[in-house]
N, C-alpha and C. Protein backbone atom coordinates (compact mmCIF):
# COMPACT_ATOMS: atom_id res chain seq x y z
N UNK A 1 29.16 32.02 3.37
CA UNK A 1 27.99 31.39 2.96
C UNK A 1 27.77 29.93 3.42
N UNK A 2 26.60 29.51 3.70
CA UNK A 2 26.10 28.24 4.27
C UNK A 2 25.98 27.39 3.02
N UNK A 3 26.62 26.03 3.24
CA UNK A 3 26.32 25.12 2.42
C UNK A 3 24.94 24.27 2.82
N UNK A 4 24.16 24.02 1.74
CA UNK A 4 23.06 23.47 1.79
C UNK A 4 23.03 22.36 0.88
N UNK A 5 22.43 20.96 1.42
CA UNK A 5 22.33 19.78 0.53
C UNK A 5 20.82 19.92 0.05
N UNK A 6 20.68 19.76 -1.28
CA UNK A 6 19.51 19.74 -1.94
C UNK A 6 19.51 18.39 -2.64
N UNK A 7 18.46 17.55 -2.44
CA UNK A 7 18.13 16.31 -3.15
C UNK A 7 17.17 16.65 -4.29
N UNK A 8 17.32 16.29 -5.26
CA UNK A 8 16.54 16.50 -6.49
C UNK A 8 16.08 15.00 -6.90
N UNK A 9 14.84 14.80 -7.09
CA UNK A 9 14.15 13.60 -7.47
C UNK A 9 14.00 13.70 -8.95
N UNK A 10 14.71 12.83 -9.81
CA UNK A 10 14.54 13.08 -11.36
C UNK A 10 13.44 12.24 -11.78
N UNK A 11 13.05 11.05 -11.07
CA UNK A 11 11.97 10.34 -11.48
C UNK A 11 10.93 10.32 -10.53
N UNK A 12 9.74 10.44 -10.90
CA UNK A 12 8.71 10.49 -9.96
C UNK A 12 8.14 8.94 -9.93
N UNK A 13 7.58 8.54 -8.84
CA UNK A 13 7.14 7.11 -8.63
C UNK A 13 5.63 6.95 -9.26
N UNK A 14 5.30 5.98 -9.86
CA UNK A 14 3.79 5.76 -10.16
C UNK A 14 3.21 5.57 -9.09
N UNK A 15 1.78 6.28 -9.01
CA UNK A 15 1.05 6.10 -7.85
C UNK A 15 -0.33 5.30 -8.15
N UNK A 16 -0.57 4.30 -7.29
CA UNK A 16 -1.67 3.61 -7.52
C UNK A 16 -2.59 3.74 -6.23
N UNK A 17 -3.97 3.92 -6.57
CA UNK A 17 -4.93 4.16 -5.47
C UNK A 17 -5.84 2.77 -5.87
N UNK A 18 -5.95 2.08 -4.83
CA UNK A 18 -6.70 0.95 -4.95
C UNK A 18 -7.68 0.64 -3.66
N UNK A 19 -8.72 -0.21 -3.80
CA UNK A 19 -9.53 -0.64 -2.75
C UNK A 19 -9.41 -2.13 -2.85
N UNK A 20 -9.17 -2.65 -1.67
CA UNK A 20 -8.95 -4.26 -1.57
C UNK A 20 -8.48 -4.53 -0.13
N UNK A 21 -7.93 -5.61 -0.01
CA UNK A 21 -7.21 -6.10 1.33
C UNK A 21 -5.84 -6.57 1.02
N UNK A 22 -5.01 -6.69 2.02
CA UNK A 22 -3.76 -7.26 1.98
C UNK A 22 -3.90 -8.64 2.26
N UNK A 23 -3.37 -9.50 1.29
CA UNK A 23 -3.47 -11.10 1.71
C UNK A 23 -2.50 -11.44 2.78
N UNK A 24 -1.45 -10.79 2.82
CA UNK A 24 -0.56 -10.96 4.03
C UNK A 24 0.00 -9.71 4.60
N UNK A 25 0.44 -9.65 5.97
CA UNK A 25 0.91 -8.41 6.45
C UNK A 25 2.21 -7.91 5.78
N UNK A 26 2.18 -6.61 5.70
CA UNK A 26 3.36 -5.95 4.87
C UNK A 26 4.49 -6.17 5.88
N UNK A 27 5.70 -6.45 4.98
CA UNK A 27 6.96 -6.67 5.83
C UNK A 27 7.99 -5.97 4.84
N UNK A 28 8.88 -5.13 5.27
CA UNK A 28 9.84 -4.47 4.51
C UNK A 28 10.87 -5.54 3.72
N UNK A 29 10.97 -5.19 2.58
CA UNK A 29 11.88 -6.12 1.88
C UNK A 29 11.08 -7.34 1.36
N UNK A 30 9.81 -7.53 1.32
CA UNK A 30 9.14 -8.48 0.91
C UNK A 30 8.02 -8.02 -0.09
N UNK A 31 7.37 -8.83 -0.95
CA UNK A 31 6.27 -8.31 -1.82
C UNK A 31 5.10 -8.12 -0.95
N UNK A 32 4.23 -7.32 -1.30
CA UNK A 32 2.93 -7.00 -0.71
C UNK A 32 1.74 -7.77 -1.73
N UNK A 33 1.05 -8.70 -1.15
CA UNK A 33 0.00 -9.39 -1.86
C UNK A 33 -1.27 -8.65 -1.65
N UNK A 34 -1.87 -8.08 -2.75
CA UNK A 34 -3.08 -7.30 -2.75
C UNK A 34 -4.28 -7.98 -3.39
N UNK A 35 -5.43 -8.33 -2.73
CA UNK A 35 -6.65 -8.80 -3.30
C UNK A 35 -7.48 -7.60 -3.60
N UNK A 36 -7.90 -7.32 -4.85
CA UNK A 36 -8.63 -6.41 -5.36
C UNK A 36 -9.42 -6.74 -6.51
N UNK A 37 -10.79 -6.38 -6.35
CA UNK A 37 -11.72 -6.74 -7.69
C UNK A 37 -11.47 -8.04 -8.13
N UNK A 38 -11.59 -9.23 -7.35
CA UNK A 38 -11.59 -10.58 -7.54
C UNK A 38 -9.99 -10.95 -8.19
N UNK A 39 -9.10 -10.05 -7.84
CA UNK A 39 -7.84 -10.52 -8.44
C UNK A 39 -6.84 -10.42 -7.54
N UNK A 40 -5.70 -11.22 -7.29
CA UNK A 40 -4.66 -11.08 -6.39
C UNK A 40 -3.45 -10.69 -7.24
N UNK A 41 -2.68 -9.89 -6.69
CA UNK A 41 -1.47 -9.51 -7.54
C UNK A 41 -0.27 -9.14 -6.48
N UNK A 42 0.92 -9.23 -6.84
CA UNK A 42 2.19 -9.01 -6.01
C UNK A 42 2.65 -7.76 -6.51
N UNK A 43 3.26 -6.87 -5.56
CA UNK A 43 4.14 -5.73 -5.82
C UNK A 43 5.57 -6.25 -5.83
N UNK A 44 6.45 -5.29 -6.31
CA UNK A 44 7.84 -5.47 -5.99
C UNK A 44 8.11 -5.25 -4.41
N UNK A 45 9.20 -5.73 -3.90
CA UNK A 45 9.57 -5.57 -2.58
C UNK A 45 9.09 -4.14 -1.86
N UNK A 46 8.62 -4.12 -0.70
CA UNK A 46 8.20 -3.02 0.00
C UNK A 46 9.42 -2.22 0.52
N UNK A 47 9.64 -1.16 0.06
CA UNK A 47 10.75 -0.38 0.74
C UNK A 47 10.36 0.45 1.89
N UNK A 48 9.24 1.07 2.00
CA UNK A 48 8.79 1.70 3.14
C UNK A 48 7.35 1.69 3.43
N UNK A 49 6.89 1.80 4.65
CA UNK A 49 5.50 1.80 4.95
C UNK A 49 5.35 3.43 5.37
N UNK A 50 4.47 4.03 4.68
CA UNK A 50 4.36 5.43 4.87
C UNK A 50 3.31 5.71 5.72
N UNK A 51 2.26 5.07 5.78
CA UNK A 51 1.03 5.37 6.65
C UNK A 51 0.25 4.21 6.85
N UNK A 52 -0.20 3.90 8.10
CA UNK A 52 -1.25 2.92 8.32
C UNK A 52 -2.45 3.33 9.18
N UNK A 53 -3.48 2.93 8.90
CA UNK A 53 -4.54 3.32 9.81
C UNK A 53 -5.81 2.10 9.64
N UNK A 54 -6.93 2.22 10.13
CA UNK A 54 -7.73 1.32 10.30
C UNK A 54 -8.46 0.95 8.96
N UNK A 55 -8.38 2.26 8.18
CA UNK A 55 -9.08 2.33 6.82
C UNK A 55 -8.21 2.11 5.52
N UNK A 56 -6.71 1.82 5.85
CA UNK A 56 -5.96 1.69 4.84
C UNK A 56 -4.43 1.58 5.10
N UNK A 57 -3.73 1.64 4.02
CA UNK A 57 -2.26 1.69 4.19
C UNK A 57 -1.77 2.45 2.92
N UNK A 58 -0.44 3.01 3.28
CA UNK A 58 0.32 3.78 2.13
C UNK A 58 1.66 3.13 2.35
N UNK A 59 2.03 2.51 1.07
CA UNK A 59 3.54 2.08 1.07
C UNK A 59 4.20 2.19 -0.23
N UNK A 60 5.46 2.20 -0.23
CA UNK A 60 6.32 2.46 -1.32
C UNK A 60 7.20 1.20 -1.64
N UNK A 61 7.22 1.03 -2.99
CA UNK A 61 8.17 0.03 -3.65
C UNK A 61 9.14 0.75 -4.33
N UNK A 62 10.11 0.00 -4.90
CA UNK A 62 11.01 0.77 -5.84
C UNK A 62 10.53 1.69 -6.93
N UNK A 63 9.61 1.19 -7.47
CA UNK A 63 8.80 2.12 -8.64
C UNK A 63 7.65 2.75 -8.45
N UNK A 64 6.98 2.39 -7.28
CA UNK A 64 5.64 2.94 -7.05
C UNK A 64 5.20 3.08 -5.78
N UNK A 65 4.10 4.00 -5.60
CA UNK A 65 3.65 4.23 -4.26
C UNK A 65 2.05 3.74 -4.34
N UNK A 66 1.71 3.01 -3.26
CA UNK A 66 0.33 2.39 -3.28
C UNK A 66 -0.49 3.00 -2.15
N UNK A 67 -1.76 3.36 -2.47
CA UNK A 67 -2.67 3.98 -1.57
C UNK A 67 -3.77 2.91 -1.48
N UNK A 68 -3.76 1.80 -0.58
CA UNK A 68 -4.73 1.07 -0.54
C UNK A 68 -5.85 1.18 0.69
N UNK A 69 -7.10 1.43 0.39
CA UNK A 69 -8.29 1.61 1.09
C UNK A 69 -8.79 0.25 1.25
N UNK A 70 -8.95 -0.19 2.55
CA UNK A 70 -9.43 -1.46 2.72
C UNK A 70 -10.98 -1.58 2.48
N UNK A 71 -11.21 -2.72 1.95
CA UNK A 71 -12.64 -3.10 1.45
C UNK A 71 -13.53 -3.25 2.75
N UNK A 72 -14.71 -2.65 2.88
CA UNK A 72 -15.58 -2.89 3.79
C UNK A 72 -16.41 -4.03 3.82
N UNK A 73 -16.71 -4.83 4.92
CA UNK A 73 -17.51 -5.96 4.89
C UNK A 73 -18.85 -5.24 5.28
N UNK A 74 -19.93 -5.61 4.50
CA UNK A 74 -21.36 -5.15 5.12
C UNK A 74 -21.63 -5.70 6.31
N UNK A 75 -22.38 -4.97 7.11
CA UNK A 75 -22.68 -5.37 8.46
C UNK A 75 -23.53 -6.67 8.48
N UNK A 76 -24.46 -6.85 7.50
CA UNK A 76 -24.99 -8.08 7.63
C UNK A 76 -24.21 -9.28 7.49
N UNK A 77 -23.24 -9.07 6.70
CA UNK A 77 -22.14 -10.35 6.46
C UNK A 77 -21.50 -10.52 7.81
N UNK A 78 -21.23 -9.39 8.49
CA UNK A 78 -20.42 -9.44 9.84
C UNK A 78 -21.28 -10.36 10.79
N UNK A 79 -22.66 -10.11 10.78
CA UNK A 79 -23.36 -10.76 11.82
C UNK A 79 -23.43 -12.22 11.46
N UNK A 80 -23.55 -12.60 10.02
CA UNK A 80 -23.54 -13.96 9.63
C UNK A 80 -22.18 -14.83 10.15
N UNK A 81 -21.10 -14.25 10.14
CA UNK A 81 -19.84 -14.66 10.33
C UNK A 81 -19.77 -14.87 12.01
N UNK A 82 -20.49 -14.31 12.70
CA UNK A 82 -20.27 -14.36 14.17
C UNK A 82 -20.55 -15.63 14.71
């Protein structure tokens, strides 16, 4: 008979789906600072970065998984900043 290791996850992490921006780049072992809906908040230290794209990022902390979609700047605002 073949031995198989099975990992059971007894507690599921809370998942947050947000729209906003990262105030600082993500670094493993450091807090993520997120600006969303006129509020800035910090997470617990980042344990892993699961997905990165031009539209957002998915990362994991000790107790949570964050799915952050980046806030889009309207095109007329981009022209004003150029």
